[in-house]
Amino acid sequence: MLTPARRGALSARQIEILQMLADGKSPKEVARQLRISTQTVKNHLAGVRQALGVRKTAAAAAVAFCRGLIQ
């Protein structure tokens, strides 16, 4: 398990959602699999983008990959 500092201030749920998107799932598929609303997925992604200092989800995935947060 990554420590909060290693995760770059992302929650475990944010990392989980970002990983699923990086694996090719759509926000709708992520929501369905996690049994949350699509809006909740979008809210998590907004937090991810803000924490990583980027504007696009693809850029967030790239930054997270470079930092070792996702595979």
PDB file of N, CA and C in Angstrom:
ATOM      1  N   MET A   1       0.846  -1.184   0.000  1.00  0.00           N
ATOM      2  CA  MET A   1       0.000   0.000   0.000  1.00  0.00           C
ATOM      3  C   MET A   1       0.884   1.237   0.000  1.00  0.00           C
ATOM      4  N   LEU A   2       0.507   2.209  -0.826  1.00  0.00           N
ATOM      5  CA  LEU A   2       1.272   3.445  -0.894  1.00  0.00           C
ATOM      6  C   LEU A   2       0.896   4.369   0.252  1.00  0.00           C
ATOM      7  N   THR A   3       1.869   5.068   0.785  1.00  0.00           N
ATOM      8  CA  THR A   3       1.595   6.046   1.838  1.00  0.00           C
ATOM      9  C   THR A   3       0.957   7.282   1.201  1.00  0.00           C
ATOM     10  N   PRO A   4       0.266   8.119   1.986  1.00  0.00           N
ATOM     11  CA  PRO A   4      -0.346   9.316   1.403  1.00  0.00           C
ATOM     12  C   PRO A   4       0.644  10.213   0.677  1.00  0.00           C
ATOM     13  N   ALA A   5       1.841  10.379   1.205  1.00  0.00           N
ATOM     14  CA  ALA A   5       2.848  11.222   0.539  1.00  0.00           C
ATOM     15  C   ALA A   5       3.247  10.610  -0.800  1.00  0.00           C
ATOM     16  N   ARG A   6       3.386   9.303  -0.844  1.00  0.00           N
ATOM     17  CA  ARG A   6       3.775   8.625  -2.080  1.00  0.00           C
ATOM     18  C   ARG A   6       2.660   8.710  -3.115  1.00  0.00           C
ATOM     19  N   ARG A   7       1.412   8.747  -2.656  1.00  0.00           N
ATOM     20  CA  ARG A   7       0.276   8.812  -3.559  1.00  0.00           C
ATOM     21  C   ARG A   7       0.082  10.207  -4.139  1.00  0.00           C
ATOM     22  N   GLY A   8       0.852  11.179  -3.685  1.00  0.00           N
ATOM     23  CA  GLY A   8       0.699  12.532  -4.197  1.00  0.00           C
ATOM     24  C   GLY A   8      -0.609  13.167  -3.773  1.00  0.00           C
ATOM     25  N   ALA A   9      -1.041  12.898  -2.554  1.00  0.00           N
ATOM     26  CA  ALA A   9      -2.258  13.464  -1.973  1.00  0.00           C
ATOM     27  C   ALA A   9      -3.529  12.967  -2.645  1.00  0.00           C
ATOM     28  N   LEU A  10      -3.468  11.862  -3.345  1.00  0.00           N
ATOM     29  CA  LEU A  10      -4.666  11.260  -3.927  1.00  0.00           C
ATOM     30  C   LEU A  10      -5.189  10.187  -2.979  1.00  0.00           C
ATOM     31  N   SER A  11      -6.504  10.086  -2.904  1.00  0.00           N
ATOM     32  CA  SER A  11      -7.096   9.038  -2.079  1.00  0.00           C
ATOM     33  C   SER A  11      -6.985   7.697  -2.803  1.00  0.00           C
ATOM     34  N   ALA A  12      -7.160   6.646  -2.052  1.00  0.00           N
ATOM     35  CA  ALA A  12      -7.129   5.308  -2.651  1.00  0.00           C
ATOM     36  C   ALA A  12      -8.210   5.180  -3.716  1.00  0.00           C
ATOM     37  N   ARG A  13      -9.385   5.771  -3.471  1.00  0.00           N
ATOM     38  CA  ARG A  13     -10.483   5.701  -4.433  1.00  0.00           C
ATOM     39  C   ARG A  13     -10.146   6.469  -5.707  1.00  0.00           C
ATOM     40  N   GLN A  14      -9.520   7.624  -5.572  1.00  0.00           N
ATOM     41  CA  GLN A  14      -9.117   8.394  -6.749  1.00  0.00           C
ATOM     42  C   GLN A  14      -8.120   7.615  -7.591  1.00  0.00           C
ATOM     43  N   ILE A  15      -7.174   6.979  -6.942  1.00  0.00           N
ATOM     44  CA  ILE A  15      -6.191   6.174  -7.665  1.00  0.00           C
ATOM     45  C   ILE A  15      -6.880   4.994  -8.347  1.00  0.00           C
ATOM     46  N   GLU A  16      -7.798   4.360  -7.652  1.00  0.00           N
ATOM     47  CA  GLU A  16      -8.534   3.228  -8.222  1.00  0.00           C
ATOM     48  C   GLU A  16      -9.282   3.654  -9.488  1.00  0.00           C
ATOM     49  N   ILE A  17      -9.970   4.775  -9.427  1.00  0.00           N
ATOM     50  CA  ILE A  17     -10.730   5.263 -10.580  1.00  0.00           C
ATOM     51  C   ILE A  17      -9.798   5.641 -11.719  1.00  0.00           C
ATOM     52  N   LEU A  18      -8.709   6.339 -11.416  1.00  0.00           N
ATOM     53  CA  LEU A  18      -7.757   6.726 -12.452  1.00  0.00           C
ATOM     54  C   LEU A  18      -7.135   5.503 -13.111  1.00  0.00           C
ATOM     55  N   GLN A  19      -6.827   4.482 -12.328  1.00  0.00           N
ATOM     56  CA  GLN A  19      -6.268   3.250 -12.889  1.00  0.00           C
ATOM     57  C   GLN A  19      -7.261   2.583 -13.834  1.00  0.00           C
ATOM     58  N   MET A  20      -8.521   2.544 -13.433  1.00  0.00           N
ATOM     59  CA  MET A  20      -9.541   1.920 -14.284  1.00  0.00           C
ATOM     60  C   MET A  20      -9.686   2.671 -15.606  1.00  0.00           C
ATOM     61  N   LEU A  21      -9.633   3.991 -15.560  1.00  0.00           N
ATOM     62  CA  LEU A  21      -9.701   4.779 -16.789  1.00  0.00           C
ATOM     63  C   LEU A  21      -8.460   4.557 -17.646  1.00  0.00           C
ATOM     64  N   ALA A  22      -7.312   4.489 -17.015  1.00  0.00           N
ATOM     65  CA  ALA A  22      -6.069   4.230 -17.746  1.00  0.00           C
ATOM     66  C   ALA A  22      -6.093   2.849 -18.393  1.00  0.00           C
ATOM     67  N   ASP A  23      -6.842   1.930 -17.793  1.00  0.00           N
ATOM     68  CA  ASP A  23      -6.989   0.588 -18.359  1.00  0.00           C
ATOM     69  C   ASP A  23      -7.990   0.541 -19.502  1.00  0.00           C
ATOM     70  N   GLY A  24      -8.609   1.682 -19.817  1.00  0.00           N
ATOM     71  CA  GLY A  24      -9.497   1.757 -20.964  1.00  0.00           C
ATOM     72  C   GLY A  24     -10.982   1.763 -20.660  1.00  0.00           C
ATOM     73  N   LYS A  25     -11.343   1.768 -19.400  1.00  0.00           N
ATOM     74  CA  LYS A  25     -12.763   1.810 -19.054  1.00  0.00           C
ATOM     75  C   LYS A  25     -13.291   3.242 -19.195  1.00  0.00           C
ATOM     76  N   SER A  26     -14.551   3.364 -19.548  1.00  0.00           N
ATOM     77  CA  SER A  26     -15.194   4.678 -19.627  1.00  0.00           C
ATOM     78  C   SER A  26     -15.664   5.075 -18.227  1.00  0.00           C
ATOM     79  N   PRO A  27     -15.920   6.358 -18.011  1.00  0.00           N
ATOM     80  CA  PRO A  27     -16.459   6.759 -16.710  1.00  0.00           C
ATOM     81  C   PRO A  27     -17.750   6.010 -16.359  1.00  0.00           C
ATOM     82  N   LYS A  28     -18.575   5.755 -17.355  1.00  0.00           N
ATOM     83  CA  LYS A  28     -19.819   5.018 -17.121  1.00  0.00           C
ATOM     84  C   LYS A  28     -19.534   3.580 -16.673  1.00  0.00           C
ATOM     85  N   GLU A  29     -18.543   2.941 -17.299  1.00  0.00           N
ATOM     86  CA  GLU A  29     -18.162   1.574 -16.905  1.00  0.00           C
ATOM     87  C   GLU A  29     -17.576   1.554 -15.497  1.00  0.00           C
ATOM     88  N   VAL A  30     -16.757   2.554 -15.187  1.00  0.00           N
ATOM     89  CA  VAL A  30     -16.168   2.656 -13.844  1.00  0.00           C
ATOM     90  C   VAL A  30     -17.284   2.794 -12.811  1.00  0.00           C
ATOM     91  N   ALA A  31     -18.221   3.679 -13.087  1.00  0.00           N
ATOM     92  CA  ALA A  31     -19.337   3.907 -12.165  1.00  0.00           C
ATOM     93  C   ALA A  31     -20.127   2.627 -11.942  1.00  0.00           C
ATOM     94  N   ARG A  32     -20.413   1.939 -13.010  1.00  0.00           N
ATOM     95  CA  ARG A  32     -21.183   0.700 -12.909  1.00  0.00           C
ATOM     96  C   ARG A  32     -20.433  -0.346 -12.081  1.00  0.00           C
ATOM     97  N   GLN A  33     -19.133  -0.511 -12.348  1.00  0.00           N
ATOM     98  CA  GLN A  33     -18.349  -1.514 -11.644  1.00  0.00           C
ATOM     99  C   GLN A  33     -18.208  -1.190 -10.159  1.00  0.00           C
ATOM    100  N   LEU A  34     -18.056   0.091  -9.828  1.00  0.00           N
ATOM    101  CA  LEU A  34     -17.868   0.485  -8.430  1.00  0.00           C
ATOM    102  C   LEU A  34     -19.187   0.763  -7.711  1.00  0.00           C
ATOM    103  N   ARG A  35     -20.274   0.690  -8.465  1.00  0.00           N
ATOM    104  CA  ARG A  35     -21.618   0.953  -7.918  1.00  0.00           C
ATOM    105  C   ARG A  35     -21.727   2.351  -7.328  1.00  0.00           C
ATOM    106  N   ILE A  36     -21.241   3.316  -8.120  1.00  0.00           N
ATOM    107  CA  ILE A  36     -21.380   4.722  -7.781  1.00  0.00           C
ATOM    108  C   ILE A  36     -21.930   5.426  -9.018  1.00  0.00           C
ATOM    109  N   SER A  37     -22.334   6.674  -8.871  1.00  0.00           N
ATOM    110  CA  SER A  37     -22.877   7.398 -10.021  1.00  0.00           C
ATOM    111  C   SER A  37     -21.747   7.885 -10.927  1.00  0.00           C
ATOM    112  N   THR A  38     -22.109   8.120 -12.174  1.00  0.00           N
ATOM    113  CA  THR A  38     -21.146   8.681 -13.119  1.00  0.00           C
ATOM    114  C   THR A  38     -20.685  10.048 -12.634  1.00  0.00           C
ATOM    115  N   GLN A  39     -21.579  10.803 -12.033  1.00  0.00           N
ATOM    116  CA  GLN A  39     -21.208  12.127 -11.504  1.00  0.00           C
ATOM    117  C   GLN A  39     -20.163  12.001 -10.399  1.00  0.00           C
ATOM    118  N   THR A  40     -20.275  10.973  -9.569  1.00  0.00           N
ATOM    119  CA  THR A  40     -19.277  10.755  -8.521  1.00  0.00           C
ATOM    120  C   THR A  40     -17.912  10.456  -9.136  1.00  0.00           C
ATOM    121  N   VAL A  41     -17.890   9.679 -10.201  1.00  0.00           N
ATOM    122  CA  VAL A  41     -16.633   9.409 -10.913  1.00  0.00           C
ATOM    123  C   VAL A  41     -16.055  10.731 -11.417  1.00  0.00           C
ATOM    124  N   LYS A  42     -16.887  11.558 -12.025  1.00  0.00           N
ATOM    125  CA  LYS A  42     -16.425  12.848 -12.542  1.00  0.00           C
ATOM    126  C   LYS A  42     -15.909  13.744 -11.422  1.00  0.00           C
ATOM    127  N   ASN A  43     -16.578  13.709 -10.278  1.00  0.00           N
ATOM    128  CA  ASN A  43     -16.117  14.504  -9.133  1.00  0.00           C
ATOM    129  C   ASN A  43     -14.749  14.035  -8.648  1.00  0.00           C
ATOM    130  N   HIS A  44     -14.554  12.725  -8.575  1.00  0.00           N
ATOM    131  CA  HIS A  44     -13.249  12.186  -8.183  1.00  0.00           C
ATOM    132  C   HIS A  44     -12.175  12.621  -9.179  1.00  0.00           C
ATOM    133  N   LEU A  45     -12.505  12.567 -10.459  1.00  0.00           N
ATOM    134  CA  LEU A  45     -11.526  12.945 -11.479  1.00  0.00           C
ATOM    135  C   LEU A  45     -11.184  14.427 -11.407  1.00  0.00           C
ATOM    136  N   ALA A  46     -12.150  15.254 -11.073  1.00  0.00           N
ATOM    137  CA  ALA A  46     -11.863  16.682 -10.906  1.00  0.00           C
ATOM    138  C   ALA A  46     -10.856  16.883  -9.770  1.00  0.00           C
ATOM    139  N   GLY A  47     -11.025  16.136  -8.683  1.00  0.00           N
ATOM    140  CA  GLY A  47     -10.083  16.205  -7.570  1.00  0.00           C
ATOM    141  C   GLY A  47      -8.699  15.710  -7.950  1.00  0.00           C
ATOM    142  N   VAL A  48      -8.662  14.655  -8.760  1.00  0.00           N
ATOM    143  CA  VAL A  48      -7.388  14.110  -9.242  1.00  0.00           C
ATOM    144  C   VAL A  48      -6.664  15.160 -10.086  1.00  0.00           C
ATOM    145  N   ARG A  49      -7.386  15.737 -11.037  1.00  0.00           N
ATOM    146  CA  ARG A  49      -6.760  16.741 -11.911  1.00  0.00           C
ATOM    147  C   ARG A  49      -6.247  17.927 -11.107  1.00  0.00           C
ATOM    148  N   GLN A  50      -7.020  18.362 -10.131  1.00  0.00           N
ATOM    149  CA  GLN A  50      -6.593  19.491  -9.302  1.00  0.00           C
ATOM    150  C   GLN A  50      -5.352  19.129  -8.483  1.00  0.00           C
ATOM    151  N   ALA A  51      -5.359  17.951  -7.866  1.00  0.00           N
ATOM    152  CA  ALA A  51      -4.224  17.530  -7.033  1.00  0.00           C
ATOM    153  C   ALA A  51      -2.945  17.381  -7.846  1.00  0.00           C
ATOM    154  N   LEU A  52      -3.089  16.946  -9.092  1.00  0.00           N
ATOM    155  CA  LEU A  52      -1.909  16.733  -9.929  1.00  0.00           C
ATOM    156  C   LEU A  52      -1.548  17.961 -10.768  1.00  0.00           C
ATOM    157  N   GLY A  53      -2.394  18.988 -10.722  1.00  0.00           N
ATOM    158  CA  GLY A  53      -2.095  20.231 -11.416  1.00  0.00           C
ATOM    159  C   GLY A  53      -2.211  20.155 -12.923  1.00  0.00           C
ATOM    160  N   VAL A  54      -3.192  19.388 -13.411  1.00  0.00           N
ATOM    161  CA  VAL A  54      -3.401  19.258 -14.852  1.00  0.00           C
ATOM    162  C   VAL A  54      -4.861  19.558 -15.181  1.00  0.00           C
ATOM    163  N   ARG A  55      -5.133  19.745 -16.471  1.00  0.00           N
ATOM    164  CA  ARG A  55      -6.500  20.061 -16.904  1.00  0.00           C
ATOM    165  C   ARG A  55      -7.230  18.878 -17.521  1.00  0.00           C
ATOM    166  N   LYS A  56      -6.530  17.923 -18.035  1.00  0.00           N
ATOM    167  CA  LYS A  56      -7.144  16.792 -18.738  1.00  0.00           C
ATOM    168  C   LYS A  56      -6.901  15.490 -17.975  1.00  0.00           C
ATOM    169  N   THR A  57      -7.873  14.592 -18.072  1.00  0.00           N
ATOM    170  CA  THR A  57      -7.745  13.297 -17.407  1.00  0.00           C
ATOM    171  C   THR A  57      -6.584  12.492 -17.983  1.00  0.00           C
ATOM    172  N   ALA A  58      -6.376  12.588 -19.292  1.00  0.00           N
ATOM    173  CA  ALA A  58      -5.254  11.872 -19.903  1.00  0.00           C
ATOM    174  C   ALA A  58      -3.923  12.361 -19.340  1.00  0.00           C
ATOM    175  N   ALA A  59      -3.815  13.657 -19.123  1.00  0.00           N
ATOM    176  CA  ALA A  59      -2.595  14.208 -18.525  1.00  0.00           C
ATOM    177  C   ALA A  59      -2.449  13.734 -17.083  1.00  0.00           C
ATOM    178  N   ALA A  60      -3.563  13.634 -16.365  1.00  0.00           N
ATOM    179  CA  ALA A  60      -3.514  13.128 -14.987  1.00  0.00           C
ATOM    180  C   ALA A  60      -3.016  11.693 -14.972  1.00  0.00           C
ATOM    181  N   ALA A  61      -3.487  10.899 -15.914  1.00  0.00           N
ATOM    182  CA  ALA A  61      -3.038   9.503 -15.993  1.00  0.00           C
ATOM    183  C   ALA A  61      -1.542   9.442 -16.296  1.00  0.00           C
ATOM    184  N   ALA A  62      -1.072  10.295 -17.179  1.00  0.00           N
ATOM    185  CA  ALA A  62       0.356  10.313 -17.527  1.00  0.00           C
ATOM    186  C   ALA A  62       1.210  10.709 -16.326  1.00  0.00           C
ATOM    187  N   VAL A  63       0.786  11.735 -15.613  1.00  0.00           N
ATOM    188  CA  VAL A  63       1.527  12.183 -14.418  1.00  0.00           C
ATOM    189  C   VAL A  63       1.516  11.080 -13.364  1.00  0.00           C
ATOM    190  N   ALA A  64       0.351  10.494 -13.143  1.00  0.00           N
ATOM    191  CA  ALA A  64       0.236   9.430 -12.142  1.00  0.00           C
ATOM    192  C   ALA A  64       1.110   8.236 -12.507  1.00  0.00           C
ATOM    193  N   PHE A  65       1.173   7.908 -13.786  1.00  0.00           N
ATOM    194  CA  PHE A  65       2.024   6.801 -14.234  1.00  0.00           C
ATOM    195  C   PHE A  65       3.492   7.132 -13.975  1.00  0.00           C
ATOM    196  N   CYS A  66       3.907   8.337 -14.345  1.00  0.00           N
ATOM    197  CA  CYS A  66       5.302   8.740 -14.128  1.00  0.00           C
ATOM    198  C   CYS A  66       5.691   8.753 -12.653  1.00  0.00           C
ATOM    199  N   ARG A  67       4.732   9.036 -11.790  1.00  0.00           N
ATOM    200  CA  ARG A  67       4.988   9.055 -10.339  1.00  0.00           C
ATOM    201  C   ARG A  67       4.817   7.679  -9.704  1.00  0.00           C
ATOM    202  N   GLY A  68       4.450   6.695 -10.494  1.00  0.00           N
ATOM    203  CA  GLY A  68       4.301   5.353  -9.970  1.00  0.00           C
ATOM    204  C   GLY A  68       3.005   5.131  -9.202  1.00  0.00           C
ATOM    205  N   LEU A  69       2.027   5.998  -9.425  1.00  0.00           N
ATOM    206  CA  LEU A  69       0.759   5.857  -8.725  1.00  0.00           C
ATOM    207  C   LEU A  69      -0.166   4.843  -9.369  1.00  0.00           C
ATOM    208  N   ILE A  70      -0.040   4.711 -10.695  1.00  0.00           N
ATOM    209  CA  ILE A  70      -0.810   3.715 -11.436  1.00  0.00           C
ATOM    210  C   ILE A  70       0.145   2.958 -12.350  1.00  0.00           C
ATOM    211  N   GLN A  71      -0.347   1.851 -12.861  1.00  0.00           N
ATOM    212  CA  GLN A  71       0.486   1.031 -13.762  1.00  0.00           C
ATOM    213  C   GLN A  71      -0.003   1.102 -15.180  1.00  0.00           C
TER     214      GLN A  71
END
